[in-house]
PDB file of N, CA and C in Angstrom:
ATOM      1  N   MET A   1    -320.011-104.843 -95.213  1.00  0.00           N
ATOM      2  CA  MET A   1    -318.576-105.093 -95.133  1.00  0.00           C
ATOM      3  C   MET A   1    -317.968-104.208 -94.055  1.00  0.00           C
ATOM      4  N   ALA A   2    -317.150-104.803 -93.213  1.00  0.00           N
ATOM      5  CA  ALA A   2    -316.429-104.044 -92.193  1.00  0.00           C
ATOM      6  C   ALA A   2    -315.318-103.240 -92.864  1.00  0.00           C
ATOM      7  N   ILE A   3    -314.984-102.109 -92.278  1.00  0.00           N
ATOM      8  CA  ILE A   3    -313.912-101.276 -92.829  1.00  0.00           C
ATOM      9  C   ILE A   3    -312.582-101.996 -92.627  1.00  0.00           C
ATOM     10  N   PRO A   4    -311.844-102.244 -93.722  1.00  0.00           N
ATOM     11  CA  PRO A   4    -310.571-102.962 -93.578  1.00  0.00           C
ATOM     12  C   PRO A   4    -309.505-102.086 -92.923  1.00  0.00           C
ATOM     13  N   GLU A   5    -308.605-102.725 -92.208  1.00  0.00           N
ATOM     14  CA  GLU A   5    -307.484-102.016 -91.587  1.00  0.00           C
ATOM     15  C   GLU A   5    -306.320-102.004 -92.583  1.00  0.00           C
ATOM     16  N   LEU A   6    -306.148-100.882 -93.245  1.00  0.00           N
ATOM     17  CA  LEU A   6    -305.102-100.753 -94.271  1.00  0.00           C
ATOM     18  C   LEU A   6    -303.790-100.398 -93.579  1.00  0.00           C
ATOM     19  N   ASN A   7    -303.035-101.416 -93.196  1.00  0.00           N
ATOM     20  CA  ASN A   7    -301.841-101.215 -92.375  1.00  0.00           C
ATOM     21  C   ASN A   7    -300.545-101.704 -93.017  1.00  0.00           C
ATOM     22  N   ARG A   8    -300.599-102.063 -94.305  1.00  0.00           N
ATOM     23  CA  ARG A   8    -299.395-102.528 -95.006  1.00  0.00           C
ATOM     24  C   ARG A   8    -299.125-101.583 -96.177  1.00  0.00           C
ATOM     25  N   LYS A   9    -297.908-101.093 -96.289  1.00  0.00           N
ATOM     26  CA  LYS A   9    -297.521-100.167 -97.351  1.00  0.00           C
ATOM     27  C   LYS A   9    -296.934-100.974 -98.513  1.00  0.00           C
ATOM     28  N   LEU A  10    -297.653-101.010 -99.646  1.00  0.00           N
ATOM     29  CA  LEU A  10    -297.245-101.783-100.813  1.00  0.00           C
ATOM     30  C   LEU A  10    -296.949-100.857-101.988  1.00  0.00           C
ATOM     31  N   THR A  11    -296.031-101.265-102.828  1.00  0.00           N
ATOM     32  CA  THR A  11    -295.736-100.543-104.057  1.00  0.00           C
ATOM     33  C   THR A  11    -296.393-101.272-105.214  1.00  0.00           C
ATOM     34  N   LEU A  12    -297.194-100.553-106.003  1.00  0.00           N
ATOM     35  CA  LEU A  12    -297.818-101.123-107.192  1.00  0.00           C
ATOM     36  C   LEU A  12    -296.856-100.960-108.356  1.00  0.00           C
ATOM     37  N   GLU A  13    -296.588-102.058-109.065  1.00  0.00           N
ATOM     38  CA  GLU A  13    -295.651-102.033-110.189  1.00  0.00           C
ATOM     39  C   GLU A  13    -296.295-102.630-111.435  1.00  0.00           C
ATOM     40  N   ALA A  14    -295.892-102.107-112.592  1.00  0.00           N
ATOM     41  CA  ALA A  14    -296.389-102.600-113.880  1.00  0.00           C
ATOM     42  C   ALA A  14    -295.213-103.071-114.722  1.00  0.00           C
ATOM     43  N   PRO A  15    -295.424-104.111-115.549  1.00  0.00           N
ATOM     44  CA  PRO A  15    -294.335-104.580-116.411  1.00  0.00           C
ATOM     45  C   PRO A  15    -294.089-103.594-117.552  1.00  0.00           C
ATOM     46  N   VAL A  16    -292.822-103.426-117.904  1.00  0.00           N
ATOM     47  CA  VAL A  16    -292.421-102.540-118.997  1.00  0.00           C
ATOM     48  C   VAL A  16    -291.451-103.309-119.886  1.00  0.00           C
ATOM     49  N   ARG A  17    -291.716-103.283-121.189  1.00  0.00           N
ATOM     50  CA  ARG A  17    -290.793-103.930-122.131  1.00  0.00           C
ATOM     51  C   ARG A  17    -289.705-102.950-122.535  1.00  0.00           C
ATOM     52  N   VAL A  18    -288.462-103.425-122.507  1.00  0.00           N
ATOM     53  CA  VAL A  18    -287.307-102.607-122.873  1.00  0.00           C
ATOM     54  C   VAL A  18    -286.578-103.325-124.002  1.00  0.00           C
ATOM     55  N   ALA A  19    -286.346-102.608-125.111  1.00  0.00           N
ATOM     56  CA  ALA A  19    -285.648-103.197-126.258  1.00  0.00           C
ATOM     57  C   ALA A  19    -284.249-103.631-125.838  1.00  0.00           C
ATOM     58  N   ASP A  20    -283.829-104.804-126.340  1.00  0.00           N
ATOM     59  CA  ASP A  20    -282.502-105.309-125.981  1.00  0.00           C
ATOM     60  C   ASP A  20    -281.454-104.995-127.041  1.00  0.00           C
ATOM     61  N   GLY A  21    -281.841-104.308-128.124  1.00  0.00           N
ATOM     62  CA  GLY A  21    -280.896-103.922-129.161  1.00  0.00           C
ATOM     63  C   GLY A  21    -280.657-104.985-130.207  1.00  0.00           C
ATOM     64  N   ALA A  22    -281.249-106.164-130.041  1.00  0.00           N
ATOM     65  CA  ALA A  22    -281.068-107.251-130.999  1.00  0.00           C
ATOM     66  C   ALA A  22    -282.408-107.689-131.584  1.00  0.00           C
ATOM     67  N   GLY A  23    -283.400-106.814-131.516  1.00  0.00           N
ATOM     68  CA  GLY A  23    -284.710-107.131-132.062  1.00  0.00           C
ATOM     69  C   GLY A  23    -285.664-107.745-131.064  1.00  0.00           C
ATOM     70  N   GLY A  24    -285.200-108.003-129.880  1.00  0.00           N
ATOM     71  CA  GLY A  24    -286.053-108.580-128.841  1.00  0.00           C
ATOM     72  C   GLY A  24    -286.296-107.570-127.735  1.00  0.00           C
ATOM     73  N   TYR A  25    -286.691-108.065-126.605  1.00  0.00           N
ATOM     74  CA  TYR A  25    -286.928-107.185-125.468  1.00  0.00           C
ATOM     75  C   TYR A  25    -286.708-107.950-124.168  1.00  0.00           C
ATOM     76  N   SER A  26    -286.560-107.188-123.123  1.00  0.00           N
ATOM     77  CA  SER A  26    -286.551-107.764-121.783  1.00  0.00           C
ATOM     78  C   SER A  26    -287.635-107.039-120.996  1.00  0.00           C
ATOM     79  N   GLU A  27    -288.053-107.648-119.916  1.00  0.00           N
ATOM     80  CA  GLU A  27    -289.129-107.059-119.126  1.00  0.00           C
ATOM     81  C   GLU A  27    -288.583-106.569-117.799  1.00  0.00           C
ATOM     82  N   THR A  28    -288.906-105.331-117.466  1.00  0.00           N
ATOM     83  CA  THR A  28    -288.555-104.763-116.171  1.00  0.00           C
ATOM     84  C   THR A  28    -289.847-104.284-115.511  1.00  0.00           C
ATOM     85  N   TRP A  29    -289.739-103.803-114.288  1.00  0.00           N
ATOM     86  CA  TRP A  29    -290.911-103.351-113.548  1.00  0.00           C
ATOM     87  C   TRP A  29    -290.774-101.884-113.203  1.00  0.00           C
ATOM     88  N   GLN A  30    -291.851-101.134-113.418  1.00  0.00           N
ATOM     89  CA  GLN A  30    -291.880 -99.700-113.132  1.00  0.00           C
ATOM     90  C   GLN A  30    -292.851 -99.452-111.981  1.00  0.00           C
ATOM     91  N   ALA A  31    -292.396 -98.730-110.963  1.00  0.00           N
ATOM     92  CA  ALA A  31    -293.255 -98.398-109.827  1.00  0.00           C
ATOM     93  C   ALA A  31    -294.284 -97.359-110.255  1.00  0.00           C
ATOM     94  N   LEU A  32    -295.560 -97.618-109.932  1.00  0.00           N
ATOM     95  CA  LEU A  32    -296.647 -96.696-110.260  1.00  0.00           C
ATOM     96  C   LEU A  32    -297.074 -95.865-109.055  1.00  0.00           C
ATOM     97  N   GLY A  33    -296.750 -96.324-107.869  1.00  0.00           N
ATOM     98  CA  GLY A  33    -297.129 -95.592-106.667  1.00  0.00           C
ATOM     99  C   GLY A  33    -297.208 -96.510-105.467  1.00  0.00           C
ATOM    100  N   THR A  34    -297.521 -95.904-104.328  1.00  0.00           N
ATOM    101  CA  THR A  34    -297.622 -96.634-103.069  1.00  0.00           C
ATOM    102  C   THR A  34    -299.080 -96.659-102.633  1.00  0.00           C
ATOM    103  N   LEU A  35    -299.551 -97.817-102.191  1.00  0.00           N
ATOM    104  CA  LEU A  35    -300.912 -97.983-101.715  1.00  0.00           C
ATOM    105  C   LEU A  35    -300.889 -98.628-100.331  1.00  0.00           C
ATOM    106  N   TRP A  36    -301.791 -98.204 -99.473  1.00  0.00           N
ATOM    107  CA  TRP A  36    -301.958 -98.856 -98.180  1.00  0.00           C
ATOM    108  C   TRP A  36    -302.948 -99.985 -98.356  1.00  0.00           C
ATOM    109  N   ALA A  37    -302.675-101.120 -97.748  1.00  0.00           N
ATOM    110  CA  ALA A  37    -303.477-102.318 -98.000  1.00  0.00           C
ATOM    111  C   ALA A  37    -303.678-103.145 -96.739  1.00  0.00           C
ATOM    112  N   ALA A  38    -304.700-103.996 -96.802  1.00  0.00           N
ATOM    113  CA  ALA A  38    -304.924-105.042 -95.808  1.00  0.00           C
ATOM    114  C   ALA A  38    -304.686-106.360 -96.523  1.00  0.00           C
ATOM    115  N   ILE A  39    -303.938-107.260 -95.911  1.00  0.00           N
ATOM    116  CA  ILE A  39    -303.612-108.539 -96.546  1.00  0.00           C
ATOM    117  C   ILE A  39    -304.171-109.674 -95.705  1.00  0.00           C
ATOM    118  N   LYS A  40    -304.882-110.596 -96.385  1.00  0.00           N
ATOM    119  CA  LYS A  40    -305.371-111.826 -95.757  1.00  0.00           C
ATOM    120  C   LYS A  40    -304.739-112.996 -96.483  1.00  0.00           C
ATOM    121  N   PHE A  41    -303.990-113.799 -95.760  1.00  0.00           N
ATOM    122  CA  PHE A  41    -303.345-114.963 -96.353  1.00  0.00           C
ATOM    123  C   PHE A  41    -304.322-116.120 -96.405  1.00  0.00           C
ATOM    124  N   SER A  42    -304.211-116.927 -97.439  1.00  0.00           N
ATOM    125  CA  SER A  42    -305.118-118.052 -97.644  1.00  0.00           C
ATOM    126  C   SER A  42    -304.294-119.328 -97.743  1.00  0.00           C
ATOM    127  N   THR A  43    -304.697-120.201 -98.635  1.00  0.00           N
ATOM    128  CA  THR A  43    -304.030-121.498 -98.774  1.00  0.00           C
ATOM    129  C   THR A  43    -302.656-121.363 -99.415  1.00  0.00           C
ATOM    130  N   GLY A  44    -301.838-122.340 -99.150  1.00  0.00           N
ATOM    131  CA  GLY A  44    -300.516-122.392 -99.738  1.00  0.00           C
ATOM    132  C   GLY A  44    -300.200-123.808-100.175  1.00  0.00           C
ATOM    133  N   ARG A  45    -299.188-123.934-101.013  1.00  0.00           N
ATOM    134  CA  ARG A  45    -298.758-125.270-101.429  1.00  0.00           C
ATOM    135  C   ARG A  45    -297.282-125.211-101.777  1.00  0.00           C
ATOM    136  N   GLU A  46    -296.699-126.400-101.849  1.00  0.00           N
ATOM    137  CA  GLU A  46    -295.285-126.510-102.176  1.00  0.00           C
ATOM    138  C   GLU A  46    -295.137-127.514-103.305  1.00  0.00           C
ATOM    139  N   LYS A  47    -294.322-127.160-104.284  1.00  0.00           N
ATOM    140  CA  LYS A  47    -294.118-128.030-105.433  1.00  0.00           C
ATOM    141  C   LYS A  47    -292.613-128.193-105.651  1.00  0.00           C
ATOM    142  N   ALA A  48    -292.194-129.439-105.744  1.00  0.00           N
ATOM    143  CA  ALA A  48    -290.779-129.725-105.946  1.00  0.00           C
ATOM    144  C   ALA A  48    -290.480-129.808-107.439  1.00  0.00           C
ATOM    145  N   GLY A  49    -289.427-129.119-107.863  1.00  0.00           N
ATOM    146  CA  GLY A  49    -288.959-129.203-109.233  1.00  0.00           C
ATOM    147  C   GLY A  49    -287.699-130.049-109.283  1.00  0.00           C
ATOM    148  N   ASP A  50    -286.986-129.966-110.397  1.00  0.00           N
ATOM    149  CA  ASP A  50    -285.754-130.738-110.539  1.00  0.00           C
ATOM    150  C   ASP A  50    -284.663-130.267-109.573  1.00  0.00           C
ATOM    151  N   PHE A  51    -284.516-128.929-109.466  1.00  0.00           N
ATOM    152  CA  PHE A  51    -283.420-128.399-108.665  1.00  0.00           C
ATOM    153  C   PHE A  51    -283.869-127.455-107.559  1.00  0.00           C
ATOM    154  N   VAL A  52    -285.158-127.058-107.565  1.00  0.00           N
ATOM    155  CA  VAL A  52    -285.662-126.115-106.567  1.00  0.00           C
ATOM    156  C   VAL A  52    -287.038-126.548-106.066  1.00  0.00           C
ATOM    157  N   THR A  53    -287.418-125.984-104.957  1.00  0.00           N
ATOM    158  CA  THR A  53    -288.762-126.160-104.422  1.00  0.00           C
ATOM    159  C   THR A  53    -289.442-124.796-104.462  1.00  0.00           C
ATOM    160  N   VAL A  54    -290.672-124.748-104.984  1.00  0.00           N
ATOM    161  CA  VAL A  54    -291.407-123.496-105.088  1.00  0.00           C
ATOM    162  C   VAL A  54    -292.612-123.561-104.151  1.00  0.00           C
ATOM    163  N   SER A  55    -292.667-122.611-103.224  1.00  0.00           N
ATOM    164  CA  SER A  55    -293.812-122.493-102.329  1.00  0.00           C
ATOM    165  C   SER A  55    -294.694-121.376-102.853  1.00  0.00           C
ATOM    166  N   THR A  56    -296.006-121.641-102.962  1.00  0.00           N
ATOM    167  CA  THR A  56    -296.953-120.659-103.468  1.00  0.00           C
ATOM    168  C   THR A  56    -297.987-120.373-102.390  1.00  0.00           C
ATOM    169  N   GLN A  57    -298.234-119.091-102.140  1.00  0.00           N
ATOM    170  CA  GLN A  57    -299.194-118.651-101.130  1.00  0.00           C
ATOM    171  C   GLN A  57    -300.234-117.767-101.804  1.00  0.00           C
ATOM    172  N   LYS A  58    -301.524-118.122-101.689  1.00  0.00           N
ATOM    173  CA  LYS A  58    -302.611-117.284-102.203  1.00  0.00           C
ATOM    174  C   LYS A  58    -302.959-116.252-101.139  1.00  0.00           C
ATOM    175  N   LEU A  59    -303.353-115.053-101.584  1.00  0.00           N
ATOM    176  CA  LEU A  59    -303.761-114.026-100.650  1.00  0.00           C
ATOM    177  C   LEU A  59    -304.766-113.074-101.263  1.00  0.00           C
ATOM    178  N   ARG A  60    -305.467-112.363-100.386  1.00  0.00           N
ATOM    179  CA  ARG A  60    -306.419-111.337-100.805  1.00  0.00           C
ATOM    180  C   ARG A  60    -305.910-110.013-100.268  1.00  0.00           C
ATOM    181  N   ILE A  61    -305.718-109.063-101.170  1.00  0.00           N
ATOM    182  CA  ILE A  61    -305.194-107.760-100.807  1.00  0.00           C
ATOM    183  C   ILE A  61    -306.303-106.732-101.041  1.00  0.00           C
ATOM    184  N   THR A  62    -306.666-105.992 -99.992  1.00  0.00           N
ATOM    185  CA  THR A  62    -307.704-104.967-100.103  1.00  0.00           C
ATOM    186  C   THR A  62    -307.049-103.595-100.086  1.00  0.00           C
ATOM    187  N   VAL A  63    -307.407-102.762-101.066  1.00  0.00           N
ATOM    188  CA  VAL A  63    -306.889-101.394-101.183  1.00  0.00           C
ATOM    189  C   VAL A  63    -308.066-100.449-101.412  1.00  0.00           C
ATOM    190  N   ARG A  64    -307.822 -99.144-101.229  1.00  0.00           N
ATOM    191  CA  ARG A  64    -308.856 -98.161-101.554  1.00  0.00           C
ATOM    192  C   ARG A  64    -309.093 -98.190-103.061  1.00  0.00           C
ATOM    193  N   ALA A  65    -310.343 -98.003-103.456  1.00  0.00           N
ATOM    194  CA  ALA A  65    -310.687 -98.015-104.875  1.00  0.00           C
ATOM    195  C   ALA A  65    -310.151 -96.770-105.573  1.00  0.00           C
ATOM    196  N   ALA A  66    -309.912 -96.907-106.856  1.00  0.00           N
ATOM    197  CA  ALA A  66    -309.512 -95.797-107.725  1.00  0.00           C
ATOM    198  C   ALA A  66    -310.349 -95.926-108.995  1.00  0.00           C
ATOM    199  N   PRO A  67    -310.622 -94.821-109.673  1.00  0.00           N
ATOM    200  CA  PRO A  67    -311.457 -94.884-110.878  1.00  0.00           C
ATOM    201  C   PRO A  67    -310.826 -95.728-111.985  1.00  0.00           C
ATOM    202  N   GLU A  68    -311.680 -96.312-112.832  1.00  0.00           N
ATOM    203  CA  GLU A  68    -311.189 -97.046-114.011  1.00  0.00           C
ATOM    204  C   GLU A  68    -310.285 -96.121-114.815  1.00  0.00           C
ATOM    205  N   GLY A  69    -309.177 -96.647-115.283  1.00  0.00           N
ATOM    206  CA  GLY A  69    -308.238 -95.859-116.083  1.00  0.00           C
ATOM    207  C   GLY A  69    -307.188 -95.130-115.271  1.00  0.00           C
ATOM    208  N   SER A  70    -307.349 -95.076-113.957  1.00  0.00           N
ATOM    209  CA  SER A  70    -306.376 -94.416-113.099  1.00  0.00           C
ATOM    210  C   SER A  70    -305.134 -95.289-112.959  1.00  0.00           C
ATOM    211  N   ALA A  71    -303.971 -94.655-112.927  1.00  0.00           N
ATOM    212  CA  ALA A  71    -302.715 -95.402-112.781  1.00  0.00           C
ATOM    213  C   ALA A  71    -302.617 -96.089-111.424  1.00  0.00           C
ATOM    214  N   SER A  72    -303.374 -95.599-110.437  1.00  0.00           N
ATOM    215  CA  SER A  72    -303.304 -96.198-109.100  1.00  0.00           C
ATOM    216  C   SER A  72    -304.304 -97.337-108.913  1.00  0.00           C
ATOM    217  N   ARG A  73    -305.056 -97.690-109.960  1.00  0.00           N
ATOM    218  CA  ARG A  73    -305.986 -98.820-109.871  1.00  0.00           C
ATOM    219  C   ARG A  73    -305.250-100.079-110.320  1.00  0.00           C
ATOM    220  N   PRO A  74    -305.137-101.079-109.443  1.00  0.00           N
ATOM    221  CA  PRO A  74    -304.423-102.315-109.801  1.00  0.00           C
ATOM    222  C   PRO A  74    -305.128-103.076-110.920  1.00  0.00           C
ATOM    223  N   HIS A  75    -304.337-103.807-111.696  1.00  0.00           N
ATOM    224  CA  HIS A  75    -304.840-104.646-112.785  1.00  0.00           C
ATOM    225  C   HIS A  75    -304.143-105.998-112.724  1.00  0.00           C
ATOM    226  N   PRO A  76    -304.795-107.052-113.247  1.00  0.00           N
ATOM    227  CA  PRO A  76    -304.090-108.333-113.376  1.00  0.00           C
ATOM    228  C   PRO A  76    -302.835-108.142-114.213  1.00  0.00           C
ATOM    229  N   GLU A  77    -301.838-108.924-113.951  1.00  0.00           N
ATOM    230  CA  GLU A  77    -300.521-108.896-114.586  1.00  0.00           C
ATOM    231  C   GLU A  77    -299.612-107.829-113.993  1.00  0.00           C
ATOM    232  N   GLN A  78    -300.136-106.985-113.106  1.00  0.00           N
ATOM    233  CA  GLN A  78    -299.282-106.095-112.339  1.00  0.00           C
ATOM    234  C   GLN A  78    -298.895-106.838-111.062  1.00  0.00           C
ATOM    235  N   ARG A  79    -298.146-106.156-110.201  1.00  0.00           N
ATOM    236  CA  ARG A  79    -297.760-106.790-108.951  1.00  0.00           C
ATOM    237  C   ARG A  79    -297.623-105.747-107.857  1.00  0.00           C
ATOM    238  N   PHE A  80    -297.694-106.225-106.624  1.00  0.00           N
ATOM    239  CA  PHE A  80    -297.379-105.412-105.456  1.00  0.00           C
ATOM    240  C   PHE A  80    -296.050-105.912-104.915  1.00  0.00           C
ATOM    241  N   THR A  81    -295.244-104.998-104.394  1.00  0.00           N
ATOM    242  CA  THR A  81    -294.026-105.404-103.703  1.00  0.00           C
ATOM    243  C   THR A  81    -294.043-104.799-102.305  1.00  0.00           C
ATOM    244  N   GLU A  82    -293.430-105.522-101.397  1.00  0.00           N
ATOM    245  CA  GLU A  82    -293.287-105.089-100.005  1.00  0.00           C
ATOM    246  C   GLU A  82    -291.892-105.527 -99.583  1.00  0.00           C
ATOM    247  N   GLY A  83    -290.930-104.635 -99.750  1.00  0.00           N
ATOM    248  CA  GLY A  83    -289.541-105.015 -99.509  1.00  0.00           C
ATOM    249  C   GLY A  83    -289.134-106.042-100.559  1.00  0.00           C
ATOM    250  N   ALA A  84    -288.649-107.199-100.117  1.00  0.00           N
ATOM    251  CA  ALA A  84    -288.236-108.256-101.045  1.00  0.00           C
ATOM    252  C   ALA A  84    -289.396-109.155-101.461  1.00  0.00           C
ATOM    253  N   ARG A  85    -290.560-108.990-100.836  1.00  0.00           N
ATOM    254  CA  ARG A  85    -291.713-109.840-101.150  1.00  0.00           C
ATOM    255  C   ARG A  85    -292.428-109.318-102.391  1.00  0.00           C
ATOM    256  N   VAL A  86    -292.883-110.252-103.232  1.00  0.00           N
ATOM    257  CA  VAL A  86    -293.580-109.912-104.477  1.00  0.00           C
ATOM    258  C   VAL A  86    -294.909-110.641-104.506  1.00  0.00           C
ATOM    259  N   TYR A  87    -296.001-109.879-104.730  1.00  0.00           N
ATOM    260  CA  TYR A  87    -297.341-110.432-104.811  1.00  0.00           C
ATOM    261  C   TYR A  87    -297.878-110.189-106.221  1.00  0.00           C
ATOM    262  N   ARG A  88    -297.997-111.234-107.009  1.00  0.00           N
ATOM    263  CA  ARG A  88    -298.482-111.132-108.396  1.00  0.00           C
ATOM    264  C   ARG A  88    -300.003-111.057-108.387  1.00  0.00           C
ATOM    265  N   ILE A  89    -300.576-110.033-109.034  1.00  0.00           N
ATOM    266  CA  ILE A  89    -302.021-109.827-109.044  1.00  0.00           C
ATOM    267  C   ILE A  89    -302.651-110.726-110.103  1.00  0.00           C
ATOM    268  N   LEU A  90    -303.621-111.534-109.692  1.00  0.00           N
ATOM    269  CA  LEU A  90    -304.317-112.453-110.588  1.00  0.00           C
ATOM    270  C   LEU A  90    -305.668-111.911-111.037  1.00  0.00           C
ATOM    271  N   ALA A  91    -306.389-111.219-110.134  1.00  0.00           N
ATOM    272  CA  ALA A  91    -307.716-110.686-110.438  1.00  0.00           C
ATOM    273  C   ALA A  91    -308.005-109.514-109.515  1.00  0.00           C
ATOM    274  N   VAL A  92    -308.886-108.600-109.983  1.00  0.00           N
ATOM    275  CA  VAL A  92    -309.275-107.437-109.195  1.00  0.00           C
ATOM    276  C   VAL A  92    -310.797-107.302-109.261  1.00  0.00           C
ATOM    277  N   ALA A  93    -311.433-107.080-108.106  1.00  0.00           N
ATOM    278  CA  ALA A  93    -312.894-106.912-108.048  1.00  0.00           C
ATOM    279  C   ALA A  93    -313.235-105.879-106.983  1.00  0.00           C
ATOM    280  N   GLU A  94    -314.401-105.253-107.127  1.00  0.00           N
ATOM    281  CA  GLU A  94    -314.858-104.323-106.102  1.00  0.00           C
ATOM    282  C   GLU A  94    -315.212-105.118-104.853  1.00  0.00           C
ATOM    283  N   ALA A  95    -314.799-104.612-103.704  1.00  0.00           N
ATOM    284  CA  ALA A  95    -314.990-105.332-102.449  1.00  0.00           C
ATOM    285  C   ALA A  95    -316.314-105.004-101.773  1.00  0.00           C
ATOM    286  N   ASP A  96    -316.909-103.853-102.108  1.00  0.00           N
ATOM    287  CA  ASP A  96    -318.160-103.456-101.470  1.00  0.00           C
ATOM    288  C   ASP A  96    -319.090-102.827-102.503  1.00  0.00           C
ATOM    289  N   SER A  97    -320.369-102.730-102.166  1.00  0.00           N
ATOM    290  CA  SER A  97    -321.363-102.232-103.116  1.00  0.00           C
ATOM    291  C   SER A  97    -321.213-100.731-103.393  1.00  0.00           C
ATOM    292  N   GLN A  98    -320.570 -99.993-102.508  1.00  0.00           N
ATOM    293  CA  GLN A  98    -320.356 -98.563-102.736  1.00  0.00           C
ATOM    294  C   GLN A  98    -319.109 -98.282-103.576  1.00  0.00           C
ATOM    295  N   GLY A  99    -318.308 -99.282-103.848  1.00  0.00           N
ATOM    296  CA  GLY A  99    -317.101 -99.115-104.656  1.00  0.00           C
ATOM    297  C   GLY A  99    -315.991 -98.363-103.948  1.00  0.00           C
ATOM    298  N   ARG A 100    -315.918 -98.482-102.626  1.00  0.00           N
ATOM    299  CA  ARG A 100    -314.875 -97.781-101.865  1.00  0.00           C
ATOM    300  C   ARG A 100    -313.566 -98.548-101.797  1.00  0.00           C
ATOM    301  N   TYR A 101    -313.644 -99.874-101.951  1.00  0.00           N
ATOM    302  CA  TYR A 101    -312.453-100.714-101.831  1.00  0.00           C
ATOM    303  C   TYR A 101    -312.398-101.710-102.977  1.00  0.00           C
ATOM    304  N   LEU A 102    -311.186-102.150-103.282  1.00  0.00           N
ATOM    305  CA  LEU A 102    -310.956-103.202-104.276  1.00  0.00           C
ATOM    306  C   LEU A 102    -310.299-104.380-103.578  1.00  0.00           C
ATOM    307  N   THR A 103    -310.658-105.586-103.995  1.00  0.00           N
ATOM    308  CA  THR A 103    -309.998-106.787-103.507  1.00  0.00           C
ATOM    309  C   THR A 103    -309.196-107.388-104.650  1.00  0.00           C
ATOM    310  N   CYS A 104    -307.919-107.559-104.422  1.00  0.00           N
ATOM    311  CA  CYS A 104    -307.032-108.152-105.415  1.00  0.00           C
ATOM    312  C   CYS A 104    -306.696-109.566-104.967  1.00  0.00           C
ATOM    313  N   THR A 105    -306.991-110.545-105.815  1.00  0.00           N
ATOM    314  CA  THR A 105    -306.553-111.906-105.562  1.00  0.00           C
ATOM    315  C   THR A 105    -305.126-111.976-106.080  1.00  0.00           C
ATOM    316  N   ALA A 106    -304.225-112.407-105.237  1.00  0.00           N
ATOM    317  CA  ALA A 106    -302.813-112.383-105.601  1.00  0.00           C
ATOM    318  C   ALA A 106    -302.127-113.677-105.170  1.00  0.00           C
ATOM    319  N   GLU A 107    -300.886-113.805-105.599  1.00  0.00           N
ATOM    320  CA  GLU A 107    -300.105-115.012-105.316  1.00  0.00           C
ATOM    321  C   GLU A 107    -298.666-114.597-105.040  1.00  0.00           C
ATOM    322  N   GLU A 108    -298.090-115.204-104.019  1.00  0.00           N
ATOM    323  CA  GLU A 108    -296.686-114.990-103.714  1.00  0.00           C
ATOM    324  C   GLU A 108    -295.947-116.298-103.925  1.00  0.00           C
ATOM    325  N   GLU A 109    -294.845-116.241-104.657  1.00  0.00           N
ATOM    326  CA  GLU A 109    -294.017-117.436-104.876  1.00  0.00           C
ATOM    327  C   GLU A 109    -292.671-117.236-104.200  1.00  0.00           C
ATOM    328  N   VAL A 110    -292.232-118.281-103.525  1.00  0.00           N
ATOM    329  CA  VAL A 110    -290.932-118.261-102.873  1.00  0.00           C
ATOM    330  C   VAL A 110    -290.169-119.483-103.353  1.00  0.00           C
ATOM    331  N   VAL A 111    -289.003-119.257-103.930  1.00  0.00           N
ATOM    332  CA  VAL A 111    -288.167-120.350-104.416  1.00  0.00           C
ATOM    333  C   VAL A 111    -287.130-120.658-103.360  1.00  0.00           C
ATOM    334  N   SER A 112    -287.029-121.945-102.993  1.00  0.00           N
ATOM    335  CA  SER A 112    -286.031-122.318-101.979  1.00  0.00           C
ATOM    336  C   SER A 112    -285.131-123.424-102.496  1.00  0.00           C
TER     337      SER A 112
END
């Protein structure tokens, strides 16, 4: 594997449930830290709904590896943000046999 060029600064965020005071909860996002990443864009598609059009873009995000259990190791159901852009993490796997990098399969949705 070639050494990836980690040139994008992403914020790793995790969902947090917050009580709403009526027995339910709402979900917010808590920043866990900043990671440098390489992003490769893949296929995309567009789906029309009743009132909006949703464009979905698949991507592969490569970051430096972190040990299992570390807060800086991405997990599915977390997300990366880059300004107003949001990349939802679908899966995480080791990118190389030495375990130096992780590849996150992610998805970006844009509502228009």
